[in-house]
Amino acid sequence: MGKRTLLATAGVSAAAALLAAAPAFAAGAGAGSVLTYGSAGGTAVATGDVLTAALAPGAKAVIATTSGGSTGITCTSSTFTASVTGNPAAPGTATESVTDHTFGGCTTNVLGATGVQSITVGNLPFASTATSAGALDVAAGSAGPITTTLKLNTVLGSITCVYTSTGLSGTTSNTGNTITFANQHFAKTTGSGLCPSNGYFSATYGPVQDTSVSGSPSVFVN
C-alpha cells in the first residue's frame, strides 16, 4: 500500500518535474541563448513558446517507496508542458512555467493494491529554471507546494494519497535532448494509513520539443 503513495509523489515530482524539464528549455531571443532549437547554439527559443516532452524511448516513470527501491508504481507514459518565460544569453539561466504534467499506463506491485485509478498533479503552474551547466530545478508556484494526488484500488477499496514537495532537482543533456530526475523525494500530507509516508520519483523525458515552431524541433541547452 505504501507504494501507492509513491505514485502520487511521482505525479507531483513529475509535474514539477515534468516540469523541471520544461525550464531546461526556457525562452528568449537572439543567438547564443541558453535555450536553442535545431542544434546546440542554434536559433533561440522565443519567450512564450510552448515546450513539451514525453518519456524518453524505453524509459518509464517510477515511484518507489524507498530511494532506489523496486516496490511502488511504474508508468509507461508521462508528459509535461511548459511555457518559456525567460531565455537570456548563454551562459546563464533560463526560466519556464510548467503548466501541465500527466501520467498514464500505471501499474503497482504494492501488496494489497489491485490497480491505479489515477495520478493528478496539482497547484500548477510551477516555476522552473535551467542553467547552462545542465542543472534543472522546479519550485512551487503561487498556488502552493508541488502536489500529487494518487488514487488506488486496494483489496479494502479505493484510497486517496496526497504528497507534496517544495522543489525538485534534475539534469539536462543534449544527447537525446533529455531531462532526468532521480529519486526525487515527496512526503505524504494526507491519506489513509495504507498510503506510504514517502515517495521517490525517477524518470527521463525526451526529446524536449518546441511545439510553437513548425516541425516541433528539439531543444538544446547551451
N, C-alpha and C. Protein backbone atom coordinates (compact mmCIF):
# COMPACT_ATOMS: atom_id res chain seq x y z
N MET A 1 0.84 -1.17 0.00
CA MET A 1 0.00 0.00 0.00
C MET A 1 0.87 1.22 0.00
N GLY A 2 2.00 1.15 0.70
CA GLY A 2 2.90 2.27 0.75
C GLY A 2 3.29 2.66 -0.63
N LYS A 3 3.25 1.75 -1.55
CA LYS A 3 3.70 2.06 -2.88
C LYS A 3 2.76 3.02 -3.57
N ARG A 4 1.52 3.01 -3.22
CA ARG A 4 0.62 3.92 -3.88
C ARG A 4 1.01 5.33 -3.60
N THR A 5 1.44 5.53 -2.39
CA THR A 5 1.82 6.87 -2.02
C THR A 5 2.89 7.34 -2.97
N LEU A 6 3.79 6.45 -3.31
CA LEU A 6 4.89 6.80 -4.19
C LEU A 6 4.34 7.32 -5.48
N LEU A 7 3.27 6.69 -5.95
CA LEU A 7 2.72 7.10 -7.24
C LEU A 7 2.30 8.55 -7.20
N ALA A 8 1.60 8.88 -6.14
CA ALA A 8 1.15 10.25 -6.05
C ALA A 8 2.36 11.14 -6.08
N THR A 9 3.37 10.72 -5.37
CA THR A 9 4.58 11.52 -5.30
C THR A 9 5.14 11.69 -6.68
N ALA A 10 5.10 10.63 -7.46
CA ALA A 10 5.65 10.71 -8.79
C ALA A 10 4.95 11.78 -9.56
N GLY A 11 3.63 11.78 -9.48
CA GLY A 11 2.91 12.79 -10.23
C GLY A 11 3.41 14.15 -9.89
N VAL A 12 3.49 14.42 -8.61
CA VAL A 12 3.93 15.74 -8.19
C VAL A 12 5.29 15.99 -8.74
N SER A 13 6.18 15.06 -8.46
CA SER A 13 7.53 15.25 -8.87
C SER A 13 7.55 15.46 -10.34
N ALA A 14 6.90 14.65 -10.97
CA ALA A 14 6.92 14.85 -12.36
C ALA A 14 6.29 16.13 -12.69
N ALA A 15 5.08 16.46 -12.33
CA ALA A 15 4.52 17.74 -12.71
C ALA A 15 5.54 18.74 -12.50
N ALA A 16 6.10 18.70 -11.39
CA ALA A 16 7.18 19.59 -11.18
C ALA A 16 8.22 19.24 -12.17
N ALA A 17 8.34 18.06 -12.08
CA ALA A 17 9.30 17.51 -12.89
C ALA A 17 9.01 17.77 -14.19
N LEU A 18 8.00 16.98 -14.49
CA LEU A 18 7.92 17.12 -15.58
C LEU A 18 8.12 18.55 -15.58
N LEU A 19 8.10 19.06 -15.24
CA LEU A 19 8.05 20.47 -15.02
C LEU A 19 9.47 20.96 -15.07
N ALA A 20 10.27 20.41 -14.34
CA ALA A 20 11.68 20.77 -14.31
C ALA A 20 12.21 20.70 -15.71
N ALA A 21 11.76 19.74 -16.45
CA ALA A 21 12.28 19.60 -17.79
C ALA A 21 11.98 20.84 -18.60
N ALA A 22 10.80 21.33 -18.47
CA ALA A 22 10.46 22.49 -19.26
C ALA A 22 11.41 23.63 -19.03
N PRO A 23 11.78 23.92 -17.78
CA PRO A 23 12.67 25.05 -17.56
C PRO A 23 13.98 24.89 -18.22
N ALA A 24 14.41 23.68 -18.41
CA ALA A 24 15.70 23.48 -19.02
C ALA A 24 15.68 24.01 -20.42
N PHE A 25 14.52 24.38 -20.87
CA PHE A 25 14.44 24.91 -22.21
C PHE A 25 13.69 26.23 -22.23
N ALA A 26 14.05 27.15 -21.45
CA ALA A 26 13.33 28.41 -21.35
C ALA A 26 13.44 29.25 -22.60
N ALA A 27 12.75 30.40 -22.60
CA ALA A 27 12.70 31.19 -23.82
C ALA A 27 13.51 32.45 -23.83
N GLY A 28 13.71 32.95 -25.03
CA GLY A 28 14.49 34.17 -25.12
C GLY A 28 14.63 34.52 -26.57
N ALA A 29 15.43 35.49 -26.89
CA ALA A 29 15.60 35.84 -28.28
C ALA A 29 17.05 36.14 -28.55
N GLY A 30 17.46 35.82 -29.77
CA GLY A 30 18.82 36.12 -30.14
C GLY A 30 19.70 34.90 -30.09
N ALA A 31 20.74 34.89 -30.92
CA ALA A 31 21.65 33.76 -30.97
C ALA A 31 22.45 33.69 -29.69
N GLY A 32 22.97 32.50 -29.39
CA GLY A 32 23.79 32.34 -28.21
C GLY A 32 23.00 32.31 -26.93
N SER A 33 21.71 31.99 -27.01
CA SER A 33 20.85 31.92 -25.83
C SER A 33 21.01 30.59 -25.11
N VAL A 34 20.55 30.54 -23.86
CA VAL A 34 20.62 29.31 -23.08
C VAL A 34 19.83 28.20 -23.77
N LEU A 35 18.65 28.52 -24.25
CA LEU A 35 17.82 27.52 -24.93
C LEU A 35 17.75 27.82 -26.43
N THR A 36 18.08 26.82 -27.24
CA THR A 36 18.02 26.97 -28.69
C THR A 36 17.35 25.73 -29.28
N TYR A 37 16.88 25.85 -30.52
CA TYR A 37 16.31 24.69 -31.19
C TYR A 37 17.04 24.45 -32.51
N GLY A 38 16.94 23.20 -32.98
CA GLY A 38 17.61 22.84 -34.22
C GLY A 38 19.00 22.28 -34.00
N SER A 39 19.75 22.93 -33.10
CA SER A 39 21.12 22.47 -32.79
C SER A 39 21.63 23.25 -31.60
N ALA A 40 22.71 22.77 -31.01
CA ALA A 40 23.34 23.50 -29.92
C ALA A 40 23.84 24.81 -30.52
N GLY A 41 23.55 25.93 -29.87
CA GLY A 41 23.96 27.22 -30.40
C GLY A 41 23.14 27.65 -31.59
N GLY A 42 21.99 27.00 -31.80
CA GLY A 42 21.14 27.32 -32.94
C GLY A 42 20.23 28.50 -32.71
N THR A 43 19.01 28.43 -33.22
CA THR A 43 18.04 29.52 -33.09
C THR A 43 17.49 29.60 -31.67
N ALA A 44 17.46 30.79 -31.10
CA ALA A 44 16.98 30.96 -29.73
C ALA A 44 15.49 30.64 -29.61
N VAL A 45 15.14 29.95 -28.54
CA VAL A 45 13.73 29.66 -28.25
C VAL A 45 13.11 30.99 -27.82
N ALA A 46 11.95 31.29 -28.34
CA ALA A 46 11.30 32.57 -28.04
C ALA A 46 10.48 32.53 -26.76
N THR A 47 10.46 33.66 -26.07
CA THR A 47 9.63 33.77 -24.87
C THR A 47 8.17 33.53 -25.27
N GLY A 48 7.49 32.70 -24.49
CA GLY A 48 6.11 32.37 -24.80
C GLY A 48 5.95 31.07 -25.54
N ASP A 49 7.05 30.54 -26.09
CA ASP A 49 6.96 29.26 -26.79
C ASP A 49 6.59 28.15 -25.81
N VAL A 50 5.87 27.16 -26.34
CA VAL A 50 5.42 26.03 -25.52
C VAL A 50 6.33 24.83 -25.77
N LEU A 51 6.87 24.28 -24.67
CA LEU A 51 7.76 23.13 -24.76
C LEU A 51 7.06 21.91 -24.18
N THR A 52 7.25 20.77 -24.84
CA THR A 52 6.65 19.53 -24.35
C THR A 52 7.63 18.38 -24.47
N ALA A 53 7.38 17.33 -23.68
CA ALA A 53 8.21 16.13 -23.76
C ALA A 53 7.47 14.97 -23.13
N ALA A 54 7.64 13.80 -23.73
CA ALA A 54 7.09 12.56 -23.19
C ALA A 54 8.28 11.79 -22.64
N LEU A 55 8.03 10.61 -22.10
CA LEU A 55 9.13 9.79 -21.61
C LEU A 55 10.07 9.46 -22.76
N ALA A 56 11.36 9.42 -22.48
CA ALA A 56 12.35 9.08 -23.50
C ALA A 56 12.11 7.64 -23.97
N PRO A 57 12.51 7.30 -25.20
CA PRO A 57 12.30 5.95 -25.72
C PRO A 57 12.81 4.88 -24.74
N GLY A 58 11.94 3.95 -24.39
CA GLY A 58 12.33 2.87 -23.49
C GLY A 58 12.28 3.21 -22.02
N ALA A 59 12.03 4.48 -21.69
CA ALA A 59 12.01 4.90 -20.28
C ALA A 59 10.64 4.73 -19.65
N LYS A 60 10.62 4.67 -18.34
CA LYS A 60 9.37 4.58 -17.57
C LYS A 60 9.47 5.53 -16.38
N ALA A 61 8.33 5.97 -15.91
CA ALA A 61 8.30 6.82 -14.72
C ALA A 61 8.08 5.88 -13.54
N VAL A 62 9.00 5.93 -12.58
CA VAL A 62 8.93 5.01 -11.44
C VAL A 62 8.81 5.79 -10.13
N ILE A 63 7.90 5.34 -9.29
CA ILE A 63 7.74 5.95 -7.98
C ILE A 63 7.93 4.84 -6.96
N ALA A 64 9.03 4.90 -6.26
CA ALA A 64 9.34 3.84 -5.31
C ALA A 64 9.05 4.26 -3.88
N THR A 65 8.86 3.26 -3.04
CA THR A 65 8.58 3.56 -1.64
C THR A 65 9.85 3.89 -0.89
N THR A 66 10.98 3.48 -1.43
CA THR A 66 12.28 3.81 -0.84
C THR A 66 13.20 4.28 -1.95
N SER A 67 14.19 5.07 -1.62
CA SER A 67 15.11 5.59 -2.63
C SER A 67 15.82 4.45 -3.35
N GLY A 68 15.64 4.37 -4.67
CA GLY A 68 16.28 3.32 -5.45
C GLY A 68 15.62 1.97 -5.32
N GLY A 69 14.47 1.90 -4.63
CA GLY A 69 13.81 0.62 -4.41
C GLY A 69 13.03 0.13 -5.62
N SER A 70 12.56 -1.13 -5.55
CA SER A 70 11.84 -1.74 -6.66
C SER A 70 10.35 -1.89 -6.38
N THR A 71 9.91 -1.48 -5.21
CA THR A 71 8.49 -1.59 -4.86
C THR A 71 7.83 -0.22 -5.02
N GLY A 72 6.68 -0.21 -5.66
CA GLY A 72 6.00 1.06 -5.88
C GLY A 72 5.11 1.04 -7.09
N ILE A 73 5.22 2.10 -7.90
CA ILE A 73 4.38 2.23 -9.09
C ILE A 73 5.22 2.53 -10.31
N THR A 74 4.83 1.93 -11.44
CA THR A 74 5.55 2.16 -12.70
C THR A 74 4.56 2.61 -13.77
N CYS A 75 4.88 3.71 -14.47
CA CYS A 75 4.00 4.25 -15.51
C CYS A 75 4.72 4.21 -16.86
N THR A 76 4.01 3.76 -17.87
CA THR A 76 4.60 3.65 -19.21
C THR A 76 4.44 4.93 -20.03
N SER A 77 3.64 5.88 -19.53
CA SER A 77 3.51 7.14 -20.25
C SER A 77 3.45 8.31 -19.27
N SER A 78 4.04 9.43 -19.67
CA SER A 78 4.04 10.63 -18.85
C SER A 78 4.49 11.77 -19.75
N THR A 79 3.83 12.91 -19.66
CA THR A 79 4.21 14.06 -20.48
C THR A 79 4.14 15.34 -19.65
N PHE A 80 4.88 16.35 -20.07
CA PHE A 80 4.81 17.63 -19.39
C PHE A 80 4.75 18.73 -20.44
N THR A 81 4.18 19.86 -20.02
CA THR A 81 4.07 21.03 -20.89
C THR A 81 4.50 22.26 -20.11
N ALA A 82 5.29 23.12 -20.75
CA ALA A 82 5.74 24.33 -20.08
C ALA A 82 5.88 25.46 -21.09
N SER A 83 5.75 26.68 -20.61
CA SER A 83 5.94 27.84 -21.48
C SER A 83 7.19 28.59 -21.03
N VAL A 84 7.95 29.08 -22.00
CA VAL A 84 9.19 29.79 -21.70
C VAL A 84 8.89 31.21 -21.24
N THR A 85 9.51 31.58 -20.12
CA THR A 85 9.30 32.94 -19.60
C THR A 85 10.56 33.79 -19.66
N GLY A 86 11.71 33.16 -19.88
CA GLY A 86 12.96 33.90 -19.97
C GLY A 86 14.05 33.06 -20.59
N ASN A 87 14.82 33.62 -21.52
CA ASN A 87 15.87 32.87 -22.20
C ASN A 87 17.06 33.79 -22.50
N PRO A 88 17.88 34.07 -21.49
CA PRO A 88 19.00 35.01 -21.65
C PRO A 88 20.15 34.42 -22.45
N ALA A 89 21.17 35.25 -22.67
CA ALA A 89 22.36 34.79 -23.39
C ALA A 89 23.09 33.76 -22.54
N ALA A 90 23.72 32.79 -23.23
CA ALA A 90 24.50 31.77 -22.53
C ALA A 90 25.92 32.29 -22.29
N PRO A 91 26.55 31.88 -21.20
CA PRO A 91 25.98 31.05 -20.13
C PRO A 91 25.03 31.85 -19.26
N GLY A 92 24.01 31.15 -18.76
CA GLY A 92 23.01 31.84 -17.96
C GLY A 92 21.97 30.87 -17.45
N THR A 93 20.83 31.41 -17.05
CA THR A 93 19.73 30.60 -16.50
C THR A 93 18.43 30.95 -17.19
N ALA A 94 17.81 29.95 -17.81
CA ALA A 94 16.53 30.14 -18.49
C ALA A 94 15.41 29.81 -17.50
N THR A 95 14.25 30.41 -17.72
CA THR A 95 13.13 30.17 -16.83
C THR A 95 11.89 29.73 -17.60
N GLU A 96 11.04 28.96 -16.92
CA GLU A 96 9.81 28.46 -17.54
C GLU A 96 8.71 28.30 -16.51
N SER A 97 7.50 28.16 -17.02
CA SER A 97 6.33 27.94 -16.18
C SER A 97 5.74 26.60 -16.60
N VAL A 98 5.76 25.63 -15.71
CA VAL A 98 5.21 24.30 -16.02
C VAL A 98 3.70 24.35 -15.83
N THR A 99 2.97 24.10 -16.89
CA THR A 99 1.51 24.23 -16.86
C THR A 99 0.73 22.91 -16.84
N ASP A 100 1.42 21.80 -17.16
CA ASP A 100 0.70 20.52 -17.18
C ASP A 100 1.69 19.37 -17.02
N HIS A 101 1.25 18.32 -16.33
CA HIS A 101 2.09 17.13 -16.14
C HIS A 101 1.15 15.95 -15.93
N THR A 102 1.26 14.96 -16.80
CA THR A 102 0.33 13.83 -16.74
C THR A 102 1.05 12.48 -16.67
N PHE A 103 0.31 11.47 -16.20
CA PHE A 103 0.83 10.10 -16.09
C PHE A 103 -0.24 9.12 -16.56
N GLY A 104 0.19 8.02 -17.19
CA GLY A 104 -0.75 7.02 -17.67
C GLY A 104 -0.11 5.65 -17.75
N GLY A 105 -0.92 4.63 -17.97
CA GLY A 105 -0.42 3.27 -18.09
C GLY A 105 0.32 2.82 -16.83
N CYS A 106 -0.24 3.15 -15.67
CA CYS A 106 0.45 2.86 -14.40
C CYS A 106 0.01 1.54 -13.76
N THR A 107 0.97 0.83 -13.23
CA THR A 107 0.71 -0.42 -12.51
C THR A 107 1.47 -0.37 -11.19
N THR A 108 1.08 -1.25 -10.27
CA THR A 108 1.76 -1.27 -8.98
C THR A 108 2.01 -2.69 -8.51
N ASN A 109 3.09 -2.88 -7.78
CA ASN A 109 3.41 -4.19 -7.20
C ASN A 109 3.33 -4.11 -5.68
N VAL A 110 2.59 -3.13 -5.20
CA VAL A 110 2.42 -2.95 -3.75
C VAL A 110 1.43 -3.99 -3.23
N LEU A 111 1.79 -4.64 -2.16
CA LEU A 111 0.95 -5.67 -1.59
C LEU A 111 -0.41 -5.10 -1.19
N GLY A 112 -1.48 -5.74 -1.66
CA GLY A 112 -2.82 -5.27 -1.32
C GLY A 112 -3.43 -4.35 -2.36
N ALA A 113 -2.62 -3.84 -3.26
CA ALA A 113 -3.13 -2.93 -4.29
C ALA A 113 -3.54 -3.74 -5.52
N THR A 114 -4.68 -3.37 -6.10
CA THR A 114 -5.16 -4.09 -7.27
C THR A 114 -5.11 -3.26 -8.55
N GLY A 115 -4.77 -1.99 -8.42
CA GLY A 115 -4.67 -1.14 -9.60
C GLY A 115 -4.52 0.33 -9.26
N VAL A 116 -4.18 1.10 -10.29
CA VAL A 116 -4.01 2.55 -10.14
C VAL A 116 -5.13 3.25 -10.90
N GLN A 117 -5.95 4.00 -10.19
CA GLN A 117 -7.05 4.73 -10.84
C GLN A 117 -6.52 5.96 -11.57
N SER A 118 -5.74 6.76 -10.87
CA SER A 118 -5.23 7.99 -11.48
C SER A 118 -4.12 8.63 -10.65
N ILE A 119 -3.36 9.48 -11.32
CA ILE A 119 -2.32 10.28 -10.67
C ILE A 119 -2.53 11.69 -11.20
N THR A 120 -2.78 12.63 -10.30
CA THR A 120 -3.07 14.00 -10.71
C THR A 120 -2.11 14.98 -10.05
N VAL A 121 -1.52 15.85 -10.86
CA VAL A 121 -0.59 16.84 -10.34
C VAL A 121 -1.35 18.15 -10.13
N GLY A 122 -1.24 18.72 -8.92
CA GLY A 122 -1.98 19.93 -8.61
C GLY A 122 -1.10 21.12 -8.27
N ASN A 123 -1.76 22.24 -8.03
CA ASN A 123 -1.09 23.51 -7.70
C ASN A 123 -0.21 24.04 -8.83
N LEU A 124 -0.57 23.68 -10.06
CA LEU A 124 0.13 24.23 -11.22
C LEU A 124 -0.29 25.70 -11.40
N PRO A 125 0.52 26.54 -12.03
CA PRO A 125 1.81 26.19 -12.65
C PRO A 125 2.95 26.21 -11.63
N PHE A 126 4.05 25.53 -12.01
CA PHE A 126 5.25 25.52 -11.19
C PHE A 126 6.31 26.38 -11.89
N ALA A 127 7.22 26.91 -11.10
CA ALA A 127 8.31 27.71 -11.67
C ALA A 127 9.52 26.82 -11.84
N SER A 128 10.23 26.95 -12.97
CA SER A 128 11.40 26.11 -13.17
C SER A 128 12.53 26.91 -13.80
N THR A 129 13.75 26.42 -13.57
CA THR A 129 14.93 27.08 -14.12
C THR A 129 15.87 26.03 -14.69
N ALA A 130 16.62 26.42 -15.71
CA ALA A 130 17.59 25.52 -16.32
C ALA A 130 18.85 26.34 -16.58
N THR A 131 19.99 25.80 -16.16
CA THR A 131 21.24 26.53 -16.32
C THR A 131 22.09 25.97 -17.44
N SER A 132 23.02 26.77 -17.90
CA SER A 132 23.93 26.34 -18.95
C SER A 132 24.77 25.16 -18.48
N ALA A 133 24.95 25.02 -17.16
CA ALA A 133 25.74 23.93 -16.60
C ALA A 133 24.99 22.61 -16.59
N GLY A 134 23.68 22.63 -16.94
CA GLY A 134 22.92 21.39 -17.00
C GLY A 134 22.07 21.10 -15.79
N ALA A 135 21.97 22.06 -14.85
CA ALA A 135 21.13 21.85 -13.67
C ALA A 135 19.71 22.33 -13.96
N LEU A 136 18.74 21.57 -13.48
CA LEU A 136 17.34 21.93 -13.69
C LEU A 136 16.60 21.85 -12.36
N ASP A 137 15.92 22.91 -11.99
CA ASP A 137 15.19 22.94 -10.72
C ASP A 137 13.75 23.35 -10.94
N VAL A 138 12.86 22.71 -10.19
CA VAL A 138 11.43 23.02 -10.25
C VAL A 138 11.00 23.43 -8.85
N ALA A 139 10.30 24.55 -8.75
CA ALA A 139 9.88 25.05 -7.45
C ALA A 139 8.38 25.28 -7.41
N ALA A 140 7.83 25.30 -6.20
CA ALA A 140 6.40 25.53 -6.02
C ALA A 140 6.03 26.90 -6.55
N GLY A 141 4.81 27.01 -7.07
CA GLY A 141 4.33 28.29 -7.59
C GLY A 141 3.47 29.01 -6.57
N SER A 142 2.77 30.03 -6.98
CA SER A 142 1.94 30.82 -6.07
C SER A 142 0.76 30.04 -5.50
N ALA A 143 0.36 28.95 -6.17
CA ALA A 143 -0.78 28.16 -5.71
C ALA A 143 -0.44 27.28 -4.51
N GLY A 144 0.86 27.09 -4.26
CA GLY A 144 1.25 26.24 -3.14
C GLY A 144 2.30 25.23 -3.54
N PRO A 145 2.65 24.30 -2.64
CA PRO A 145 3.68 23.31 -2.92
C PRO A 145 3.33 22.38 -4.07
N ILE A 146 4.35 21.75 -4.64
CA ILE A 146 4.14 20.79 -5.72
C ILE A 146 3.33 19.64 -5.11
N THR A 147 2.16 19.41 -5.66
CA THR A 147 1.25 18.41 -5.06
C THR A 147 0.82 17.35 -6.07
N THR A 148 0.81 16.09 -5.59
CA THR A 148 0.36 14.98 -6.44
C THR A 148 -0.64 14.13 -5.67
N THR A 149 -1.75 13.84 -6.32
CA THR A 149 -2.79 13.04 -5.69
C THR A 149 -2.88 11.69 -6.39
N LEU A 150 -2.76 10.65 -5.62
CA LEU A 150 -2.79 9.29 -6.14
C LEU A 150 -4.05 8.57 -5.67
N LYS A 151 -4.78 7.98 -6.63
CA LYS A 151 -5.97 7.20 -6.29
C LYS A 151 -5.73 5.76 -6.71
N LEU A 152 -5.84 4.86 -5.73
CA LEU A 152 -5.56 3.45 -5.98
C LEU A 152 -6.71 2.55 -5.57
N ASN A 153 -6.78 1.41 -6.25
CA ASN A 153 -7.74 0.37 -5.88
C ASN A 153 -6.98 -0.60 -5.00
N THR A 154 -7.59 -1.02 -3.90
CA THR A 154 -6.95 -1.97 -3.00
C THR A 154 -7.95 -3.06 -2.63
N VAL A 155 -7.46 -4.07 -1.95
CA VAL A 155 -8.35 -5.15 -1.54
C VAL A 155 -9.38 -4.65 -0.54
N LEU A 156 -9.14 -3.46 0.03
CA LEU A 156 -10.07 -2.87 1.01
C LEU A 156 -10.90 -1.75 0.40
N GLY A 157 -10.75 -1.54 -0.92
CA GLY A 157 -11.48 -0.46 -1.57
C GLY A 157 -10.54 0.61 -2.10
N SER A 158 -11.11 1.71 -2.58
CA SER A 158 -10.33 2.80 -3.16
C SER A 158 -9.74 3.69 -2.07
N ILE A 159 -8.48 4.12 -2.26
CA ILE A 159 -7.86 5.04 -1.31
C ILE A 159 -7.24 6.21 -2.07
N THR A 160 -7.11 7.34 -1.39
CA THR A 160 -6.51 8.54 -1.97
C THR A 160 -5.32 8.97 -1.11
N CYS A 161 -4.20 9.19 -1.76
CA CYS A 161 -2.98 9.61 -1.06
C CYS A 161 -2.48 10.92 -1.68
N VAL A 162 -2.18 11.90 -0.84
CA VAL A 162 -1.70 13.19 -1.33
C VAL A 162 -0.27 13.42 -0.85
N TYR A 163 0.60 13.78 -1.79
CA TYR A 163 2.01 14.02 -1.49
C TYR A 163 2.46 15.39 -1.95
N THR A 164 3.41 15.97 -1.24
CA THR A 164 3.89 17.29 -1.62
C THR A 164 5.42 17.39 -1.56
N SER A 165 5.92 18.39 -2.28
CA SER A 165 7.36 18.68 -2.29
C SER A 165 7.51 20.18 -2.52
N THR A 166 8.54 20.77 -1.93
CA THR A 166 8.78 22.20 -2.14
C THR A 166 9.64 22.44 -3.37
N GLY A 167 10.25 21.36 -3.90
CA GLY A 167 11.08 21.54 -5.08
C GLY A 167 11.71 20.26 -5.56
N LEU A 168 12.08 20.22 -6.85
CA LEU A 168 12.70 19.05 -7.45
C LEU A 168 13.97 19.47 -8.20
N SER A 169 14.92 18.56 -8.27
CA SER A 169 16.17 18.84 -8.98
C SER A 169 16.44 17.76 -10.01
N GLY A 170 16.85 18.18 -11.21
CA GLY A 170 17.15 17.22 -12.27
C GLY A 170 18.34 17.70 -13.09
N THR A 171 18.61 16.99 -14.18
CA THR A 171 19.72 17.36 -15.05
C THR A 171 19.25 17.30 -16.51
N THR A 172 19.89 18.11 -17.35
CA THR A 172 19.56 18.11 -18.77
C THR A 172 20.76 17.59 -19.56
N SER A 173 20.48 17.05 -20.75
CA SER A 173 21.53 16.56 -21.62
C SER A 173 21.15 16.82 -23.07
N ASN A 174 22.12 17.25 -23.87
CA ASN A 174 21.86 17.48 -25.29
C ASN A 174 21.94 16.18 -26.09
N THR A 175 22.31 15.10 -25.42
CA THR A 175 22.30 13.77 -26.05
C THR A 175 20.89 13.24 -25.89
N GLY A 176 20.10 13.32 -26.93
CA GLY A 176 18.70 12.91 -26.84
C GLY A 176 17.80 14.02 -26.36
N ASN A 177 18.39 15.20 -26.06
CA ASN A 177 17.61 16.36 -25.59
C ASN A 177 16.71 15.97 -24.42
N THR A 178 17.34 15.40 -23.40
CA THR A 178 16.58 14.85 -22.28
C THR A 178 16.68 15.63 -20.97
N ILE A 179 15.74 15.29 -20.09
CA ILE A 179 15.71 15.80 -18.72
C ILE A 179 15.54 14.58 -17.83
N THR A 180 16.39 14.46 -16.82
CA THR A 180 16.35 13.28 -15.95
C THR A 180 16.16 13.66 -14.49
N PHE A 181 15.25 12.93 -13.84
CA PHE A 181 15.00 13.09 -12.40
C PHE A 181 15.31 11.75 -11.74
N ALA A 182 16.04 11.79 -10.64
CA ALA A 182 16.39 10.54 -9.96
C ALA A 182 16.08 10.63 -8.47
N ASN A 183 15.24 9.71 -7.99
CA ASN A 183 14.92 9.59 -6.57
C ASN A 183 14.54 10.91 -5.91
N GLN A 184 13.65 11.65 -6.57
CA GLN A 184 13.18 12.91 -6.00
C GLN A 184 12.11 12.64 -4.95
N HIS A 185 12.33 13.18 -3.76
CA HIS A 185 11.50 12.84 -2.60
C HIS A 185 10.22 13.66 -2.46
N PHE A 186 9.14 12.93 -2.09
CA PHE A 186 7.84 13.56 -1.79
C PHE A 186 7.36 12.98 -0.46
N ALA A 187 6.72 13.79 0.34
CA ALA A 187 6.22 13.34 1.64
C ALA A 187 4.70 13.34 1.66
N LYS A 188 4.12 12.34 2.31
CA LYS A 188 2.66 12.26 2.40
C LYS A 188 2.14 13.36 3.32
N THR A 189 1.09 14.05 2.88
CA THR A 189 0.48 15.09 3.71
C THR A 189 -0.89 14.66 4.21
N THR A 190 -1.62 13.91 3.38
CA THR A 190 -2.92 13.37 3.82
C THR A 190 -3.16 12.03 3.13
N GLY A 191 -4.01 11.21 3.76
CA GLY A 191 -4.32 9.92 3.16
C GLY A 191 -4.45 8.81 4.17
N SER A 192 -4.95 7.69 3.70
CA SER A 192 -5.14 6.51 4.53
C SER A 192 -3.83 6.02 5.12
N GLY A 193 -3.96 5.25 6.19
CA GLY A 193 -2.77 4.67 6.81
C GLY A 193 -2.11 3.69 5.87
N LEU A 194 -2.82 3.31 4.80
CA LEU A 194 -2.27 2.39 3.82
C LEU A 194 -1.31 3.12 2.87
N CYS A 195 -1.41 4.45 2.86
CA CYS A 195 -0.53 5.24 2.00
C CYS A 195 0.87 5.31 2.61
N PRO A 196 1.90 5.05 1.83
CA PRO A 196 3.27 5.13 2.35
C PRO A 196 3.59 6.56 2.79
N SER A 197 4.55 6.69 3.68
CA SER A 197 4.92 8.00 4.19
C SER A 197 5.74 8.81 3.20
N ASN A 198 6.45 8.13 2.30
CA ASN A 198 7.32 8.81 1.35
C ASN A 198 7.26 8.19 -0.04
N GLY A 199 7.64 8.99 -1.03
CA GLY A 199 7.68 8.51 -2.40
C GLY A 199 8.95 9.05 -3.07
N TYR A 200 9.54 8.26 -3.96
CA TYR A 200 10.77 8.68 -4.65
C TYR A 200 10.55 8.53 -6.16
N PHE A 201 10.59 9.67 -6.85
CA PHE A 201 10.27 9.72 -8.27
C PHE A 201 11.51 9.74 -9.16
N SER A 202 11.49 8.87 -10.19
CA SER A 202 12.59 8.82 -11.16
C SER A 202 12.02 8.68 -12.57
N ALA A 203 12.55 9.45 -13.52
CA ALA A 203 12.09 9.37 -14.91
C ALA A 203 13.02 10.19 -15.80
N THR A 204 13.07 9.79 -17.08
CA THR A 204 13.83 10.55 -18.08
C THR A 204 12.87 10.94 -19.20
N TYR A 205 12.80 12.23 -19.50
CA TYR A 205 11.93 12.76 -20.54
C TYR A 205 12.76 13.23 -21.73
N GLY A 206 12.24 13.00 -22.95
CA GLY A 206 12.94 13.49 -24.11
C GLY A 206 12.49 12.80 -25.40
N PRO A 207 12.69 13.47 -26.54
CA PRO A 207 13.30 14.79 -26.61
C PRO A 207 12.33 15.89 -26.22
N VAL A 208 12.87 16.96 -25.63
CA VAL A 208 12.08 18.14 -25.32
C VAL A 208 11.94 18.89 -26.64
N GLN A 209 10.71 19.27 -26.98
CA GLN A 209 10.47 19.90 -28.28
C GLN A 209 9.76 21.25 -28.15
N ASP A 210 10.06 22.16 -29.05
CA ASP A 210 9.42 23.46 -29.10
C ASP A 210 8.23 23.33 -30.05
N THR A 211 7.03 23.12 -29.48
CA THR A 211 5.85 22.90 -30.32
C THR A 211 5.29 24.19 -30.92
N SER A 212 5.87 25.32 -30.57
CA SER A 212 5.42 26.58 -31.15
C SER A 212 6.10 26.85 -32.49
N VAL A 213 7.09 26.02 -32.81
CA VAL A 213 7.84 26.16 -34.06
C VAL A 213 7.44 25.04 -35.02
N SER A 214 7.31 25.34 -36.29
CA SER A 214 6.93 24.35 -37.28
C SER A 214 7.87 23.15 -37.24
N GLY A 215 7.29 21.95 -37.19
CA GLY A 215 8.10 20.74 -37.13
C GLY A 215 8.49 20.33 -35.73
N SER A 216 8.14 21.15 -34.73
CA SER A 216 8.46 20.85 -33.32
C SER A 216 9.90 20.37 -33.13
N PRO A 217 10.88 21.23 -33.44
CA PRO A 217 12.29 20.85 -33.30
C PRO A 217 12.70 20.60 -31.85
N SER A 218 13.74 19.80 -31.68
CA SER A 218 14.25 19.51 -30.35
C SER A 218 14.96 20.73 -29.78
N VAL A 219 14.94 20.82 -28.43
CA VAL A 219 15.53 21.97 -27.74
C VAL A 219 16.86 21.57 -27.10
N PHE A 220 17.85 22.48 -27.23
CA PHE A 220 19.18 22.27 -26.67
C PHE A 220 19.46 23.29 -25.56
N VAL A 221 20.29 22.88 -24.60
CA VAL A 221 20.69 23.79 -23.50
C VAL A 221 22.16 24.14 -23.73
N ASN A 222 22.45 25.43 -23.78
CA ASN A 222 23.82 25.89 -24.08
C ASN A 222 24.47 26.59 -22.88
